[in-house]
C-alpha atoms as a PDB file:
ATOM      1  CA  MET A   1       0.000   0.000   0.000  1.00  0.00           C
ATOM      2  CA  THR A   2       1.415   3.386  -1.029  1.00  0.00           C
ATOM      3  CA  THR A   3       0.554   6.386   1.118  1.00  0.00           C
ATOM      4  CA  VAL A   4      -0.183   9.634  -0.694  1.00  0.00           C
ATOM      5  CA  LEU A   5      -0.425  12.795   1.362  1.00  0.00           C
ATOM      6  CA  VAL A   6      -2.975  15.378   0.287  1.00  0.00           C
ATOM      7  CA  ALA A   7      -1.670  18.748   1.505  1.00  0.00           C
ATOM      8  CA  SER A   8      -4.999  19.786   2.983  1.00  0.00           C
ATOM      9  CA  ARG A   9      -7.119  19.422   6.110  1.00  0.00           C
ATOM     10  CA  ASN A  10     -10.278  19.648   4.012  1.00  0.00           C
ATOM     11  CA  ALA A  11     -12.011  16.270   4.317  1.00  0.00           C
ATOM     12  CA  LYS A  12     -14.029  16.970   1.177  1.00  0.00           C
ATOM     13  CA  LYS A  13     -10.851  17.303  -0.902  1.00  0.00           C
ATOM     14  CA  LEU A  14      -9.583  13.977   0.437  1.00  0.00           C
ATOM     15  CA  GLY A  15     -12.899  12.368  -0.371  1.00  0.00           C
ATOM     16  CA  GLU A  16     -12.788  13.788  -3.885  1.00  0.00           C
ATOM     17  CA  LEU A  17      -9.412  12.166  -4.607  1.00  0.00           C
ATOM     18  CA  ARG A  18     -10.565   8.853  -3.140  1.00  0.00           C
ATOM     19  CA  ARG A  19     -13.648   8.881  -5.379  1.00  0.00           C
ATOM     20  CA  VAL A  20     -11.564   9.711  -8.470  1.00  0.00           C
ATOM     21  CA  LEU A  21      -9.199   6.819  -7.700  1.00  0.00           C
ATOM     22  CA  ASP A  22     -12.114   4.452  -7.091  1.00  0.00           C
ATOM     23  CA  ALA A  23     -13.780   5.473 -10.352  1.00  0.00           C
ATOM     24  CA  ALA A  24     -10.520   4.844 -12.233  1.00  0.00           C
ATOM     25  CA  GLY A  25     -10.038   1.459 -10.569  1.00  0.00           C
ATOM     26  CA  VAL A  26      -6.775   2.479  -8.895  1.00  0.00           C
ATOM     27  CA  ILE A  27      -6.110   0.366  -5.822  1.00  0.00           C
ATOM     28  CA  GLY A  28      -3.134   0.236  -3.487  1.00  0.00           C
ATOM     29  CA  ILE A  29      -3.131   3.922  -2.487  1.00  0.00           C
ATOM     30  CA  ASP A  30      -3.908   5.123   1.020  1.00  0.00           C
ATOM     31  CA  VAL A  31      -4.964   8.774   0.885  1.00  0.00           C
ATOM     32  CA  VAL A  32      -4.211  10.771   4.040  1.00  0.00           C
ATOM     33  CA  GLY A  33      -4.449  14.445   4.928  1.00  0.00           C
ATOM     34  CA  LEU A  34      -2.291  16.801   6.948  1.00  0.00           C
ATOM     35  CA  ASP A  35      -3.988  15.757  10.175  1.00  0.00           C
ATOM     36  CA  ALA A  36      -2.491  12.259   9.752  1.00  0.00           C
ATOM     37  CA  VAL A  37       1.169  13.345   9.631  1.00  0.00           C
ATOM     38  CA  PRO A  38       3.433  15.244  12.052  1.00  0.00           C
ATOM     39  CA  GLU A  39       2.951  18.982  11.681  1.00  0.00           C
ATOM     40  CA  TYR A  40       5.531  20.763   9.563  1.00  0.00           C
ATOM     41  CA  PRO A  41       6.040  24.440   8.705  1.00  0.00           C
ATOM     42  CA  GLU A  42       3.712  25.448   5.861  1.00  0.00           C
ATOM     43  CA  VAL A  43       5.445  27.398   3.120  1.00  0.00           C
ATOM     44  CA  PRO A  44       3.752  30.693   2.117  1.00  0.00           C
ATOM     45  CA  GLU A  45       1.828  30.457  -1.152  1.00  0.00           C
ATOM     46  CA  THR A  46       3.647  33.245  -2.955  1.00  0.00           C
ATOM     47  CA  GLY A  47       3.082  32.016  -6.508  1.00  0.00           C
ATOM     48  CA  ALA A  48       1.429  34.218  -9.109  1.00  0.00           C
ATOM     49  CA  THR A  49      -0.377  31.247 -10.673  1.00  0.00           C
ATOM     50  CA  PHE A  50      -2.362  28.265  -9.469  1.00  0.00           C
ATOM     51  CA  GLU A  51       0.323  25.917 -10.816  1.00  0.00           C
ATOM     52  CA  GLU A  52       3.089  27.659  -8.860  1.00  0.00           C
ATOM     53  CA  ASN A  53       1.147  27.552  -5.602  1.00  0.00           C
ATOM     54  CA  ALA A  54       0.193  23.892  -6.035  1.00  0.00           C
ATOM     55  CA  LEU A  55       3.849  22.984  -6.552  1.00  0.00           C
ATOM     56  CA  ILE A  56       4.942  25.035  -3.528  1.00  0.00           C
ATOM     57  CA  LYS A  57       2.570  23.035  -1.306  1.00  0.00           C
ATOM     58  CA  ALA A  58       3.337  19.641  -2.849  1.00  0.00           C
ATOM     59  CA  VAL A  59       7.131  20.096  -2.694  1.00  0.00           C
ATOM     60  CA  ALA A  60       6.936  21.192   0.951  1.00  0.00           C
ATOM     61  CA  GLY A  61       4.802  18.181   1.880  1.00  0.00           C
ATOM     62  CA  ALA A  62       6.999  15.663   0.084  1.00  0.00           C
ATOM     63  CA  ARG A  63      10.191  17.069   1.607  1.00  0.00           C
ATOM     64  CA  ALA A  64       8.791  17.197   5.131  1.00  0.00           C
ATOM     65  CA  THR A  65       7.172  13.751   5.197  1.00  0.00           C
ATOM     66  CA  ARG A  66       9.071  11.746   2.554  1.00  0.00           C
ATOM     67  CA  LEU A  67       5.694  10.759   1.173  1.00  0.00           C
ATOM     68  CA  ALA A  68       4.342  11.391  -2.286  1.00  0.00           C
ATOM     69  CA  CYS A  69       2.361  14.589  -1.856  1.00  0.00           C
ATOM     70  CA  LEU A  70      -0.566  15.881  -3.886  1.00  0.00           C
ATOM     71  CA  ALA A  71      -1.615  19.502  -3.548  1.00  0.00           C
ATOM     72  CA  ASP A  72      -4.050  21.654  -5.419  1.00  0.00           C
ATOM     73  CA  ASP A  73      -4.506  25.357  -5.740  1.00  0.00           C
ATOM     74  CA  SER A  74      -7.867  26.305  -7.063  1.00  0.00           C
ATOM     75  CA  GLY A  75     -10.171  29.241  -7.213  1.00  0.00           C
ATOM     76  CA  LEU A  76     -12.753  31.221  -9.077  1.00  0.00           C
ATOM     77  CA  ALA A  77     -12.040  33.489 -12.027  1.00  0.00           C
ATOM     78  CA  VAL A  78     -14.932  35.900 -12.662  1.00  0.00           C
ATOM     79  CA  ASP A  79     -15.023  37.439 -16.129  1.00  0.00           C
ATOM     80  CA  ALA A  80     -16.439  40.780 -14.935  1.00  0.00           C
ATOM     81  CA  LEU A  81     -13.611  41.050 -12.385  1.00  0.00           C
ATOM     82  CA  ASN A  82     -10.898  40.385 -14.974  1.00  0.00           C
ATOM     83  CA  GLY A  83     -10.231  36.894 -13.657  1.00  0.00           C
ATOM     84  CA  MET A  84     -10.282  37.737  -9.970  1.00  0.00           C
ATOM     85  CA  PRO A  85     -10.446  36.518  -7.198  1.00  0.00           C
ATOM     86  CA  GLY A  86      -8.119  33.995  -8.898  1.00  0.00           C
ATOM     87  CA  VAL A  87      -5.265  32.865  -6.642  1.00  0.00           C
ATOM     88  CA  LEU A  88      -6.730  35.083  -3.895  1.00  0.00           C
ATOM     89  CA  SER A  89     -10.046  33.198  -3.864  1.00  0.00           C
ATOM     90  CA  ALA A  90      -9.664  31.614  -0.405  1.00  0.00           C
ATOM     91  CA  ARG A  91      -8.778  34.943   1.194  1.00  0.00           C
ATOM     92  CA  TRP A  92     -10.713  37.384  -0.975  1.00  0.00           C
ATOM     93  CA  CYS A  93     -12.327  39.011   2.079  1.00  0.00           C
ATOM     94  CA  GLY A  94      -8.946  39.428   3.766  1.00  0.00           C
ATOM     95  CA  ARG A  95      -9.242  36.326   5.955  1.00  0.00           C
ATOM     96  CA  HIS A  96      -8.282  32.842   4.807  1.00  0.00           C
ATOM     97  CA  GLY A  97     -11.075  30.314   4.414  1.00  0.00           C
ATOM     98  CA  ASP A  98     -14.070  32.453   5.469  1.00  0.00           C
ATOM     99  CA  ASP A  99     -16.471  31.155   2.821  1.00  0.00           C
ATOM    100  CA  GLN A 100     -19.430  33.252   3.938  1.00  0.00           C
ATOM    101  CA  ALA A 101     -17.469  36.511   3.925  1.00  0.00           C
ATOM    102  CA  ASN A 102     -15.827  35.684   0.585  1.00  0.00           C
ATOM    103  CA  ASN A 103     -19.202  34.945  -1.004  1.00  0.00           C
ATOM    104  CA  ASP A 104     -20.810  38.050   0.446  1.00  0.00           C
ATOM    105  CA  LEU A 105     -18.010  40.289  -0.836  1.00  0.00           C
ATOM    106  CA  LEU A 106     -18.053  38.742  -4.295  1.00  0.00           C
ATOM    107  CA  LEU A 107     -21.823  39.118  -4.609  1.00  0.00           C
ATOM    108  CA  ALA A 108     -21.538  42.776  -3.603  1.00  0.00           C
ATOM    109  CA  GLN A 109     -18.831  43.375  -6.195  1.00  0.00           C
ATOM    110  CA  ILE A 110     -20.866  41.940  -9.080  1.00  0.00           C
ATOM    111  CA  HIS A 111     -24.379  42.903  -7.949  1.00  0.00           C
ATOM    112  CA  ASP A 112     -24.880  45.291 -10.878  1.00  0.00           C
ATOM    113  CA  VAL A 113     -23.371  42.992 -13.538  1.00  0.00           C
ATOM    114  CA  PRO A 114     -26.128  41.922 -15.973  1.00  0.00           C
ATOM    115  CA  ASP A 115     -27.000  38.256 -16.374  1.00  0.00           C
ATOM    116  CA  ASP A 116     -25.371  37.945 -19.796  1.00  0.00           C
ATOM    117  CA  ARG A 117     -22.003  39.088 -18.403  1.00  0.00           C
ATOM    118  CA  ARG A 118     -21.852  36.931 -15.277  1.00  0.00           C
ATOM    119  CA  GLY A 119     -19.601  34.259 -16.781  1.00  0.00           C
ATOM    120  CA  ALA A 120     -16.910  32.667 -14.642  1.00  0.00           C
ATOM    121  CA  ALA A 121     -14.732  29.599 -14.333  1.00  0.00           C
ATOM    122  CA  PHE A 122     -13.511  27.462 -11.494  1.00  0.00           C
ATOM    123  CA  VAL A 123      -9.868  26.625 -12.183  1.00  0.00           C
ATOM    124  CA  SER A 124      -7.587  24.118 -10.486  1.00  0.00           C
ATOM    125  CA  ALA A 125      -3.970  23.090 -10.709  1.00  0.00           C
ATOM    126  CA  CYS A 126      -3.035  19.796  -9.045  1.00  0.00           C
ATOM    127  CA  ALA A 127       0.604  18.937  -8.413  1.00  0.00           C
ATOM    128  CA  LEU A 128       1.960  15.510  -7.484  1.00  0.00           C
ATOM    129  CA  VAL A 129       5.503  15.480  -6.092  1.00  0.00           C
ATOM    130  CA  GLU A 130       7.305  12.271  -5.135  1.00  0.00           C
ATOM    131  CA  PRO A 131      10.078  12.039  -2.522  1.00  0.00           C
ATOM    132  CA  SER A 132      12.529  11.555  -5.406  1.00  0.00           C
ATOM    133  CA  GLY A 133      11.618  15.031  -6.620  1.00  0.00           C
ATOM    134  CA  ARG A 134       9.681  13.876  -9.672  1.00  0.00           C
ATOM    135  CA  GLU A 135       6.810  16.266 -10.399  1.00  0.00           C
ATOM    136  CA  ALA A 136       3.575  16.161 -12.359  1.00  0.00           C
ATOM    137  CA  VAL A 137       1.127  19.048 -12.709  1.00  0.00           C
ATOM    138  CA  ALA A 138      -2.352  18.991 -14.256  1.00  0.00           C
ATOM    139  CA  PHE A 139      -4.825  21.799 -14.899  1.00  0.00           C
ATOM    140  CA  GLY A 140      -8.617  21.771 -15.044  1.00  0.00           C
ATOM    141  CA  GLU A 141     -11.245  24.416 -15.835  1.00  0.00           C
ATOM    142  CA  TRP A 142     -15.017  24.443 -15.277  1.00  0.00           C
ATOM    143  CA  ARG A 143     -17.049  27.159 -16.985  1.00  0.00           C
ATOM    144  CA  GLY A 144     -20.305  28.522 -15.654  1.00  0.00           C
ATOM    145  CA  THR A 145     -22.337  31.537 -14.537  1.00  0.00           C
ATOM    146  CA  MET A 146     -22.526  33.391 -11.241  1.00  0.00           C
ATOM    147  CA  LEU A 147     -25.834  33.462  -9.370  1.00  0.00           C
ATOM    148  CA  ARG A 148     -27.239  36.464  -7.492  1.00  0.00           C
ATOM    149  CA  ALA A 149     -27.792  34.489  -4.264  1.00  0.00           C
ATOM    150  CA  PRO A 150     -26.360  31.210  -2.931  1.00  0.00           C
ATOM    151  CA  ARG A 151     -28.122  27.900  -3.560  1.00  0.00           C
ATOM    152  CA  GLY A 152     -27.381  24.432  -2.176  1.00  0.00           C
ATOM    153  CA  ASP A 153     -25.642  22.918   0.833  1.00  0.00           C
ATOM    154  CA  ASN A 154     -23.089  20.607  -0.786  1.00  0.00           C
ATOM    155  CA  GLY A 155     -19.542  21.592  -1.666  1.00  0.00           C
ATOM    156  CA  PHE A 156     -17.624  24.495  -0.189  1.00  0.00           C
ATOM    157  CA  GLY A 157     -16.137  27.848  -1.140  1.00  0.00           C
ATOM    158  CA  TYR A 158     -17.983  29.530  -3.982  1.00  0.00           C
ATOM    159  CA  ASP A 159     -19.942  26.390  -4.986  1.00  0.00           C
ATOM    160  CA  PRO A 160     -23.346  27.845  -3.931  1.00  0.00           C
ATOM    161  CA  LEU A 161     -22.869  30.813  -6.298  1.00  0.00           C
ATOM    162  CA  PHE A 162     -21.777  28.909  -9.417  1.00  0.00           C
ATOM    163  CA  VAL A 163     -24.050  27.291 -12.014  1.00  0.00           C
ATOM    164  CA  PRO A 164     -22.050  25.074 -14.407  1.00  0.00           C
ATOM    165  CA  ASP A 165     -22.566  25.360 -18.150  1.00  0.00           C
ATOM    166  CA  ASP A 166     -22.743  21.547 -18.410  1.00  0.00           C
ATOM    167  CA  ASP A 167     -26.169  20.319 -19.523  1.00  0.00           C
ATOM    168  CA  VAL A 168     -26.136  17.548 -16.909  1.00  0.00           C
ATOM    169  CA  ALA A 169     -26.240  20.194 -14.167  1.00  0.00           C
ATOM    170  CA  GLN A 170     -29.695  21.291 -15.413  1.00  0.00           C
ATOM    171  CA  GLY A 171     -29.363  24.752 -13.929  1.00  0.00           C
ATOM    172  CA  ARG A 172     -28.293  23.518 -10.505  1.00  0.00           C
ATOM    173  CA  SER A 173     -25.496  25.210  -8.617  1.00  0.00           C
ATOM    174  CA  SER A 174     -22.289  23.341  -7.893  1.00  0.00           C
ATOM    175  CA  ALA A 175     -23.508  23.055  -4.291  1.00  0.00           C
ATOM    176  CA  GLU A 176     -26.662  21.263  -5.479  1.00  0.00           C
ATOM    177  CA  LEU A 177     -24.783  18.497  -7.300  1.00  0.00           C
ATOM    178  CA  SER A 178     -23.963  15.133  -5.764  1.00  0.00           C
ATOM    179  CA  GLY A 179     -20.337  14.302  -5.072  1.00  0.00           C
ATOM    180  CA  ALA A 180     -20.168  11.939  -8.040  1.00  0.00           C
ATOM    181  CA  GLU A 181     -21.739  14.499 -10.385  1.00  0.00           C
ATOM    182  CA  LYS A 182     -19.319  17.176  -9.274  1.00  0.00           C
ATOM    183  CA  ASP A 183     -16.296  14.867  -9.653  1.00  0.00           C
ATOM    184  CA  ALA A 184     -17.245  14.130 -13.248  1.00  0.00           C
ATOM    185  CA  LEU A 185     -17.593  17.805 -14.154  1.00  0.00           C
ATOM    186  CA  SER A 186     -15.458  19.924 -11.861  1.00  0.00           C
ATOM    187  CA  HIS A 187     -12.166  21.680 -12.383  1.00  0.00           C
ATOM    188  CA  ARG A 188     -10.474  19.674  -9.623  1.00  0.00           C
ATOM    189  CA  GLY A 189     -12.017  16.426 -10.832  1.00  0.00           C
ATOM    190  CA  LYS A 190     -10.638  17.095 -14.330  1.00  0.00           C
ATOM    191  CA  ALA A 191      -7.168  17.907 -12.999  1.00  0.00           C
ATOM    192  CA  LEU A 192      -7.117  14.881 -10.680  1.00  0.00           C
ATOM    193  CA  ALA A 193      -8.229  12.604 -13.514  1.00  0.00           C
ATOM    194  CA  LEU A 194      -5.209  13.736 -15.541  1.00  0.00           C
ATOM    195  CA  LEU A 195      -2.954  12.633 -12.659  1.00  0.00           C
ATOM    196  CA  VAL A 196      -4.460   9.129 -12.481  1.00  0.00           C
ATOM    197  CA  PRO A 197      -1.734   7.580 -14.700  1.00  0.00           C
ATOM    198  CA  ALA A 198       0.990   8.898 -12.376  1.00  0.00           C
ATOM    199  CA  LEU A 199      -0.934   7.741  -9.316  1.00  0.00           C
ATOM    200  CA  ARG A 200      -1.426   4.315 -10.892  1.00  0.00           C
ATOM    201  CA  VAL A 201       2.354   4.021 -11.299  1.00  0.00           C
ATOM    202  CA  LEU A 202       2.813   4.974  -7.642  1.00  0.00           C
ATOM    203  CA  ALA A 203       0.354   2.244  -6.685  1.00  0.00           C
ATOM    204  CA  GLY A 204       2.473  -0.281  -8.536  1.00  0.00           C
ATOM    205  CA  GLY A 205       0.098  -0.883 -11.376  1.00  0.00           C
END
């Protein structure tokens, strides 16, 4: 059994990777989060892109634990805000991880944007770094439209404000989709799927 560290304490992100591996038939990988390893100093995410930040986190995790480490950096790029919040998505309100405050601020900033200009995309970069230093990075994008009020209780972050363009979503927000539906469509699901071949090699098959 090969242990892969996900550089996150977000149980939903761990579950997402486990579901992607299950769907791809990859066995022999034990997915653990930061709570399962000794604490180590977290390196500041100073990258200008999602890819750079994902690699910063994955390299730090692999070096500190000697485990293969998978990290993602993801966020929301709103067309009317010229691609912002972007890499600042998790701390858009000035505090890291305050979903309610981030959503409230974003809604206030685009309240007067007409419906036909409320396009946006969730974007994700996932980096897999092995103790040997070998790296793999994958990128995923999920286009959609911003709502005027949150809908749904699933997901996290900006999910309640985002309606995917995909027909299968049938006008539901990302927070109204099941876990399996979101995995098949989402930015992170797309990026993780591209890393399945590398993860399969790690698993020995």
